[in-house]
Amino acid sequence: MDLLFTDVVLPGGLTGAQLAAQAKAICPSLKVLFTTGYARNSIIHHGRLDKGVQLIVKPFSFNELAAKVRDVLDQA
């Protein structure tokens, strides 16, 4: 497993950050890319994500998503 792509807000009370933490506990080298329909500043400043996380804001094109996934996977 190389990459987890998850929304910031998930149904059922679990957040994307919580899901990522659980997945990284199993696979520490896992890279995570979050998505959201909310503005980046809103998500970060309201404590939903830590600064420096990888995020792509909806709506995005397939090409934008592909480029972002490649960028995240290529990071050391």
PDB file of N, CA and C in Angstrom:
ATOM      1  N   MET A   1       0.857  -1.169   0.000  1.00  0.00           N
ATOM      2  CA  MET A   1       0.000   0.000   0.000  1.00  0.00           C
ATOM      3  C   MET A   1       0.905   1.235   0.000  1.00  0.00           C
ATOM      4  N   ASP A   2       0.657   2.151  -0.938  1.00  0.00           N
ATOM      5  CA  ASP A   2       1.507   3.327  -1.070  1.00  0.00           C
ATOM      6  C   ASP A   2       0.826   4.628  -0.672  1.00  0.00           C
ATOM      7  N   LEU A   3      -0.483   4.728  -0.948  1.00  0.00           N
ATOM      8  CA  LEU A   3      -1.174   6.002  -0.769  1.00  0.00           C
ATOM      9  C   LEU A   3      -2.598   5.785  -0.285  1.00  0.00           C
ATOM     10  N   LEU A   4      -2.984   6.575   0.691  1.00  0.00           N
ATOM     11  CA  LEU A   4      -4.382   6.646   1.130  1.00  0.00           C
ATOM     12  C   LEU A   4      -4.924   7.975   0.645  1.00  0.00           C
ATOM     13  N   PHE A   5      -6.029   7.933  -0.095  1.00  0.00           N
ATOM     14  CA  PHE A   5      -6.706   9.133  -0.573  1.00  0.00           C
ATOM     15  C   PHE A   5      -8.053   9.178   0.130  1.00  0.00           C
ATOM     16  N   THR A   6      -8.255  10.189   0.974  1.00  0.00           N
ATOM     17  CA  THR A   6      -9.467  10.248   1.781  1.00  0.00           C
ATOM     18  C   THR A   6      -9.975  11.671   1.908  1.00  0.00           C
ATOM     19  N   ASP A   7     -11.270  11.772   2.100  1.00  0.00           N
ATOM     20  CA  ASP A   7     -11.866  13.074   2.376  1.00  0.00           C
ATOM     21  C   ASP A   7     -11.535  13.466   3.812  1.00  0.00           C
ATOM     22  N   VAL A   8     -11.531  14.748   4.079  1.00  0.00           N
ATOM     23  CA  VAL A   8     -11.296  15.244   5.429  1.00  0.00           C
ATOM     24  C   VAL A   8     -12.466  14.882   6.335  1.00  0.00           C
ATOM     25  N   VAL A   9     -13.672  15.031   5.819  1.00  0.00           N
ATOM     26  CA  VAL A   9     -14.889  14.759   6.589  1.00  0.00           C
ATOM     27  C   VAL A   9     -15.506  13.466   6.066  1.00  0.00           C
ATOM     28  N   LEU A  10     -15.701  12.512   6.961  1.00  0.00           N
ATOM     29  CA  LEU A  10     -16.281  11.221   6.604  1.00  0.00           C
ATOM     30  C   LEU A  10     -17.577  11.007   7.373  1.00  0.00           C
ATOM     31  N   PRO A  11     -18.476  10.210   6.845  1.00  0.00           N
ATOM     32  CA  PRO A  11     -19.712   9.916   7.575  1.00  0.00           C
ATOM     33  C   PRO A  11     -19.428   9.001   8.768  1.00  0.00           C
ATOM     34  N   GLY A  12     -20.289   9.041   9.731  1.00  0.00           N
ATOM     35  CA  GLY A  12     -20.180   8.112  10.849  1.00  0.00           C
ATOM     36  C   GLY A  12     -19.277   8.545  11.976  1.00  0.00           C
ATOM     37  N   GLY A  13     -18.830   9.787  11.970  1.00  0.00           N
ATOM     38  CA  GLY A  13     -18.050  10.298  13.096  1.00  0.00           C
ATOM     39  C   GLY A  13     -16.546  10.157  12.968  1.00  0.00           C
ATOM     40  N   LEU A  14     -16.058   9.329  12.051  1.00  0.00           N
ATOM     41  CA  LEU A  14     -14.624   9.181  11.841  1.00  0.00           C
ATOM     42  C   LEU A  14     -14.153  10.274  10.895  1.00  0.00           C
ATOM     43  N   THR A  15     -13.014  10.881  11.177  1.00  0.00           N
ATOM     44  CA  THR A  15     -12.464  11.902  10.279  1.00  0.00           C
ATOM     45  C   THR A  15     -11.400  11.277   9.392  1.00  0.00           C
ATOM     46  N   GLY A  16     -11.081  11.954   8.319  1.00  0.00           N
ATOM     47  CA  GLY A  16     -10.010  11.494   7.456  1.00  0.00           C
ATOM     48  C   GLY A  16      -8.687  11.418   8.197  1.00  0.00           C
ATOM     49  N   ALA A  17      -8.448  12.371   9.088  1.00  0.00           N
ATOM     50  CA  ALA A  17      -7.210  12.371   9.879  1.00  0.00           C
ATOM     51  C   ALA A  17      -7.147  11.148  10.797  1.00  0.00           C
ATOM     52  N   GLN A  18      -8.273  10.766  11.387  1.00  0.00           N
ATOM     53  CA  GLN A  18      -8.305   9.582  12.240  1.00  0.00           C
ATOM     54  C   GLN A  18      -8.070   8.314  11.415  1.00  0.00           C
ATOM     55  N   LEU A  19      -8.703   8.252  10.252  1.00  0.00           N
ATOM     56  CA  LEU A  19      -8.497   7.119   9.354  1.00  0.00           C
ATOM     57  C   LEU A  19      -7.026   7.017   8.958  1.00  0.00           C
ATOM     58  N   ALA A  20      -6.427   8.150   8.621  1.00  0.00           N
ATOM     59  CA  ALA A  20      -5.015   8.165   8.227  1.00  0.00           C
ATOM     60  C   ALA A  20      -4.125   7.696   9.375  1.00  0.00           C
ATOM     61  N   ALA A  21      -4.407   8.134  10.581  1.00  0.00           N
ATOM     62  CA  ALA A  21      -3.611   7.721  11.745  1.00  0.00           C
ATOM     63  C   ALA A  21      -3.703   6.210  11.959  1.00  0.00           C
ATOM     64  N   GLN A  22      -4.897   5.660  11.814  1.00  0.00           N
ATOM     65  CA  GLN A  22      -5.077   4.215  11.970  1.00  0.00           C
ATOM     66  C   GLN A  22      -4.329   3.457  10.877  1.00  0.00           C
ATOM     67  N   ALA A  23      -4.416   3.940   9.644  1.00  0.00           N
ATOM     68  CA  ALA A  23      -3.739   3.281   8.529  1.00  0.00           C
ATOM     69  C   ALA A  23      -2.226   3.367   8.679  1.00  0.00           C
ATOM     70  N   LYS A  24      -1.722   4.521   9.132  1.00  0.00           N
ATOM     71  CA  LYS A  24      -0.285   4.699   9.299  1.00  0.00           C
ATOM     72  C   LYS A  24       0.251   3.868  10.470  1.00  0.00           C
ATOM     73  N   ALA A  25      -0.603   3.531  11.413  1.00  0.00           N
ATOM     74  CA  ALA A  25      -0.192   2.648  12.507  1.00  0.00           C
ATOM     75  C   ALA A  25       0.109   1.250  11.966  1.00  0.00           C
ATOM     76  N   ILE A  26      -0.607   0.862  10.915  1.00  0.00           N
ATOM     77  CA  ILE A  26      -0.397  -0.439  10.277  1.00  0.00           C
ATOM     78  C   ILE A  26       0.748  -0.366   9.270  1.00  0.00           C
ATOM     79  N   CYS A  27       0.809   0.742   8.559  1.00  0.00           N
ATOM     80  CA  CYS A  27       1.813   0.919   7.499  1.00  0.00           C
ATOM     81  C   CYS A  27       2.450   2.311   7.648  1.00  0.00           C
ATOM     82  N   PRO A  28       3.476   2.431   8.468  1.00  0.00           N
ATOM     83  CA  PRO A  28       4.060   3.748   8.765  1.00  0.00           C
ATOM     84  C   PRO A  28       4.565   4.530   7.559  1.00  0.00           C
ATOM     85  N   SER A  29       4.937   3.854   6.493  1.00  0.00           N
ATOM     86  CA  SER A  29       5.454   4.554   5.319  1.00  0.00           C
ATOM     87  C   SER A  29       4.346   5.050   4.393  1.00  0.00           C
ATOM     88  N   LEU A  30       3.110   4.797   4.758  1.00  0.00           N
ATOM     89  CA  LEU A  30       1.971   5.193   3.941  1.00  0.00           C
ATOM     90  C   LEU A  30       1.928   6.705   3.755  1.00  0.00           C
ATOM     91  N   LYS A  31       1.712   7.131   2.532  1.00  0.00           N
ATOM     92  CA  LYS A  31       1.532   8.549   2.249  1.00  0.00           C
ATOM     93  C   LYS A  31       0.038   8.822   2.177  1.00  0.00           C
ATOM     94  N   VAL A  32      -0.344  10.033   2.561  1.00  0.00           N
ATOM     95  CA  VAL A  32      -1.761  10.368   2.655  1.00  0.00           C
ATOM     96  C   VAL A  32      -2.042  11.642   1.871  1.00  0.00           C
ATOM     97  N   LEU A  33      -3.105  11.592   1.087  1.00  0.00           N
ATOM     98  CA  LEU A  33      -3.599  12.758   0.367  1.00  0.00           C
ATOM     99  C   LEU A  33      -5.049  12.955   0.773  1.00  0.00           C
ATOM    100  N   PHE A  34      -5.337  14.129   1.292  1.00  0.00           N
ATOM    101  CA  PHE A  34      -6.698  14.463   1.701  1.00  0.00           C
ATOM    102  C   PHE A  34      -7.387  15.279   0.618  1.00  0.00           C
ATOM    103  N   THR A  35      -8.697  15.189   0.585  1.00  0.00           N
ATOM    104  CA  THR A  35      -9.494  16.045  -0.278  1.00  0.00           C
ATOM    105  C   THR A  35     -10.626  16.634   0.546  1.00  0.00           C
ATOM    106  N   THR A  36     -11.147  17.758   0.070  1.00  0.00           N
ATOM    107  CA  THR A  36     -12.257  18.413   0.745  1.00  0.00           C
ATOM    108  C   THR A  36     -12.934  19.380  -0.205  1.00  0.00           C
ATOM    109  N   GLY A  37     -14.181  19.649   0.081  1.00  0.00           N
ATOM    110  CA  GLY A  37     -14.914  20.664  -0.657  1.00  0.00           C
ATOM    111  C   GLY A  37     -14.812  22.019   0.010  1.00  0.00           C
ATOM    112  N   TYR A  38     -14.212  22.049   1.195  1.00  0.00           N
ATOM    113  CA  TYR A  38     -14.026  23.289   1.937  1.00  0.00           C
ATOM    114  C   TYR A  38     -12.736  23.962   1.514  1.00  0.00           C
ATOM    115  N   ALA A  39     -12.646  25.241   1.715  1.00  0.00           N
ATOM    116  CA  ALA A  39     -11.424  25.974   1.389  1.00  0.00           C
ATOM    117  C   ALA A  39     -10.277  25.488   2.271  1.00  0.00           C
ATOM    118  N   ARG A  40      -9.081  25.435   1.706  1.00  0.00           N
ATOM    119  CA  ARG A  40      -7.896  24.968   2.429  1.00  0.00           C
ATOM    120  C   ARG A  40      -7.693  25.724   3.742  1.00  0.00           C
ATOM    121  N   ASN A  41      -7.793  27.046   3.705  1.00  0.00           N
ATOM    122  CA  ASN A  41      -7.574  27.840   4.918  1.00  0.00           C
ATOM    123  C   ASN A  41      -8.601  27.521   5.991  1.00  0.00           C
ATOM    124  N   SER A  42      -9.832  27.289   5.598  1.00  0.00           N
ATOM    125  CA  SER A  42     -10.882  26.951   6.556  1.00  0.00           C
ATOM    126  C   SER A  42     -10.577  25.633   7.257  1.00  0.00           C
ATOM    127  N   ILE A  43     -10.168  24.642   6.503  1.00  0.00           N
ATOM    128  CA  ILE A  43      -9.864  23.326   7.059  1.00  0.00           C
ATOM    129  C   ILE A  43      -8.676  23.407   8.007  1.00  0.00           C
ATOM    130  N   ILE A  44      -7.611  24.050   7.587  1.00  0.00           N
ATOM    131  CA  ILE A  44      -6.398  24.105   8.406  1.00  0.00           C
ATOM    132  C   ILE A  44      -6.603  24.972   9.644  1.00  0.00           C
ATOM    133  N   HIS A  45      -7.207  26.127   9.494  1.00  0.00           N
ATOM    134  CA  HIS A  45      -7.336  27.043  10.623  1.00  0.00           C
ATOM    135  C   HIS A  45      -8.389  26.617  11.643  1.00  0.00           C
ATOM    136  N   HIS A  46      -9.250  25.716  11.288  1.00  0.00           N
ATOM    137  CA  HIS A  46     -10.225  25.220  12.251  1.00  0.00           C
ATOM    138  C   HIS A  46      -9.790  23.898  12.868  1.00  0.00           C
ATOM    139  N   GLY A  47      -8.517  23.560  12.707  1.00  0.00           N
ATOM    140  CA  GLY A  47      -7.946  22.418  13.399  1.00  0.00           C
ATOM    141  C   GLY A  47      -8.315  21.065  12.831  1.00  0.00           C
ATOM    142  N   ARG A  48      -8.874  21.025  11.640  1.00  0.00           N
ATOM    143  CA  ARG A  48      -9.257  19.733  11.078  1.00  0.00           C
ATOM    144  C   ARG A  48      -8.063  18.985  10.495  1.00  0.00           C
ATOM    145  N   LEU A  49      -7.040  19.706  10.067  1.00  0.00           N
ATOM    146  CA  LEU A  49      -5.820  19.095   9.545  1.00  0.00           C
ATOM    147  C   LEU A  49      -4.613  19.847  10.069  1.00  0.00           C
ATOM    148  N   ASP A  50      -3.536  19.119  10.249  1.00  0.00           N
ATOM    149  CA  ASP A  50      -2.290  19.756  10.657  1.00  0.00           C
ATOM    150  C   ASP A  50      -1.682  20.489   9.470  1.00  0.00           C
ATOM    151  N   LYS A  51      -0.944  21.528   9.759  1.00  0.00           N
ATOM    152  CA  LYS A  51      -0.240  22.253   8.703  1.00  0.00           C
ATOM    153  C   LYS A  51       0.745  21.302   8.037  1.00  0.00           C
ATOM    154  N   GLY A  52       0.916  21.491   6.742  1.00  0.00           N
ATOM    155  CA  GLY A  52       1.857  20.673   6.006  1.00  0.00           C
ATOM    156  C   GLY A  52       1.278  19.402   5.414  1.00  0.00           C
ATOM    157  N   VAL A  53       0.014  19.115   5.682  1.00  0.00           N
ATOM    158  CA  VAL A  53      -0.587  17.916   5.090  1.00  0.00           C
ATOM    159  C   VAL A  53      -0.813  18.128   3.603  1.00  0.00           C
ATOM    160  N   GLN A  54      -0.902  17.037   2.878  1.00  0.00           N
ATOM    161  CA  GLN A  54      -1.165  17.096   1.449  1.00  0.00           C
ATOM    162  C   GLN A  54      -2.668  17.159   1.236  1.00  0.00           C
ATOM    163  N   LEU A  55      -3.125  18.165   0.496  1.00  0.00           N
ATOM    164  CA  LEU A  55      -4.551  18.408   0.332  1.00  0.00           C
ATOM    165  C   LEU A  55      -4.836  18.860  -1.088  1.00  0.00           C
ATOM    166  N   ILE A  56      -5.909  18.323  -1.669  1.00  0.00           N
ATOM    167  CA  ILE A  56      -6.413  18.801  -2.949  1.00  0.00           C
ATOM    168  C   ILE A  56      -7.871  19.185  -2.730  1.00  0.00           C
ATOM    169  N   VAL A  57      -8.218  20.395  -3.145  1.00  0.00           N
ATOM    170  CA  VAL A  57      -9.552  20.939  -2.877  1.00  0.00           C
ATOM    171  C   VAL A  57     -10.471  20.666  -4.063  1.00  0.00           C
ATOM    172  N   LYS A  58     -11.665  20.197  -3.744  1.00  0.00           N
ATOM    173  CA  LYS A  58     -12.695  19.945  -4.766  1.00  0.00           C
ATOM    174  C   LYS A  58     -13.262  21.268  -5.242  1.00  0.00           C
ATOM    175  N   PRO A  59     -13.691  21.369  -6.457  1.00  0.00           N
ATOM    176  CA  PRO A  59     -13.584  20.354  -7.505  1.00  0.00           C
ATOM    177  C   PRO A  59     -12.193  20.374  -8.123  1.00  0.00           C
ATOM    178  N   PHE A  60     -11.758  19.225  -8.591  1.00  0.00           N
ATOM    179  CA  PHE A  60     -10.471  19.122  -9.269  1.00  0.00           C
ATOM    180  C   PHE A  60     -10.650  18.264 -10.516  1.00  0.00           C
ATOM    181  N   SER A  61      -9.799  18.483 -11.482  1.00  0.00           N
ATOM    182  CA  SER A  61      -9.855  17.693 -12.706  1.00  0.00           C
ATOM    183  C   SER A  61      -9.065  16.395 -12.506  1.00  0.00           C
ATOM    184  N   PHE A  62      -9.271  15.468 -13.400  1.00  0.00           N
ATOM    185  CA  PHE A  62      -8.512  14.225 -13.362  1.00  0.00           C
ATOM    186  C   PHE A  62      -7.014  14.522 -13.475  1.00  0.00           C
ATOM    187  N   ASN A  63      -6.653  15.436 -14.355  1.00  0.00           N
ATOM    188  CA  ASN A  63      -5.234  15.785 -14.533  1.00  0.00           C
ATOM    189  C   ASN A  63      -4.648  16.409 -13.268  1.00  0.00           C
ATOM    190  N   GLU A  64      -5.414  17.259 -12.589  1.00  0.00           N
ATOM    191  CA  GLU A  64      -4.941  17.854 -11.330  1.00  0.00           C
ATOM    192  C   GLU A  64      -4.751  16.777 -10.273  1.00  0.00           C
ATOM    193  N   LEU A  65      -5.704  15.855 -10.190  1.00  0.00           N
ATOM    194  CA  LEU A  65      -5.592  14.764  -9.218  1.00  0.00           C
ATOM    195  C   LEU A  65      -4.387  13.890  -9.536  1.00  0.00           C
ATOM    196  N   ALA A  66      -4.228  13.529 -10.787  1.00  0.00           N
ATOM    197  CA  ALA A  66      -3.103  12.684 -11.186  1.00  0.00           C
ATOM    198  C   ALA A  66      -1.768  13.353 -10.851  1.00  0.00           C
ATOM    199  N   ALA A  67      -1.661  14.644 -11.113  1.00  0.00           N
ATOM    200  CA  ALA A  67      -0.427  15.380 -10.814  1.00  0.00           C
ATOM    201  C   ALA A  67      -0.172  15.428  -9.311  1.00  0.00           C
ATOM    202  N   LYS A  68      -1.218  15.639  -8.530  1.00  0.00           N
ATOM    203  CA  LYS A  68      -1.067  15.714  -7.076  1.00  0.00           C
ATOM    204  C   LYS A  68      -0.681  14.351  -6.502  1.00  0.00           C
ATOM    205  N   VAL A  69      -1.310  13.294  -6.983  1.00  0.00           N
ATOM    206  CA  VAL A  69      -0.960  11.944  -6.529  1.00  0.00           C
ATOM    207  C   VAL A  69       0.497  11.656  -6.853  1.00  0.00           C
ATOM    208  N   ARG A  70       0.927  11.977  -8.070  1.00  0.00           N
ATOM    209  CA  ARG A  70       2.318  11.752  -8.456  1.00  0.00           C
ATOM    210  C   ARG A  70       3.253  12.541  -7.550  1.00  0.00           C
ATOM    211  N   ASP A  71       2.905  13.793  -7.247  1.00  0.00           N
ATOM    212  CA  ASP A  71       3.708  14.653  -6.372  1.00  0.00           C
ATOM    213  C   ASP A  71       3.838  14.039  -4.982  1.00  0.00           C
ATOM    214  N   VAL A  72       2.741  13.572  -4.431  1.00  0.00           N
ATOM    215  CA  VAL A  72       2.749  12.982  -3.092  1.00  0.00           C
ATOM    216  C   VAL A  72       3.586  11.695  -3.088  1.00  0.00           C
ATOM    217  N   LEU A  73       3.396  10.856  -4.089  1.00  0.00           N
ATOM    218  CA  LEU A  73       4.138   9.601  -4.144  1.00  0.00           C
ATOM    219  C   LEU A  73       5.641   9.822  -4.344  1.00  0.00           C
ATOM    220  N   ASP A  74       6.006  10.895  -5.022  1.00  0.00           N
ATOM    221  CA  ASP A  74       7.415  11.172  -5.292  1.00  0.00           C
ATOM    222  C   ASP A  74       8.151  11.805  -4.119  1.00  0.00           C
ATOM    223  N   GLN A  75       7.420  12.263  -3.122  1.00  0.00           N
ATOM    224  CA  GLN A  75       8.070  12.901  -1.971  1.00  0.00           C
ATOM    225  C   GLN A  75       8.817  11.856  -1.142  1.00  0.00           C
ATOM    226  N   ALA A  76       9.966  12.269  -0.646  1.00  0.00           N
ATOM    227  CA  ALA A  76      10.798  11.358   0.163  1.00  0.00           C
ATOM    228  C   ALA A  76      10.157  11.060   1.488  1.00  0.00           C
TER     229      ALA A  76
END
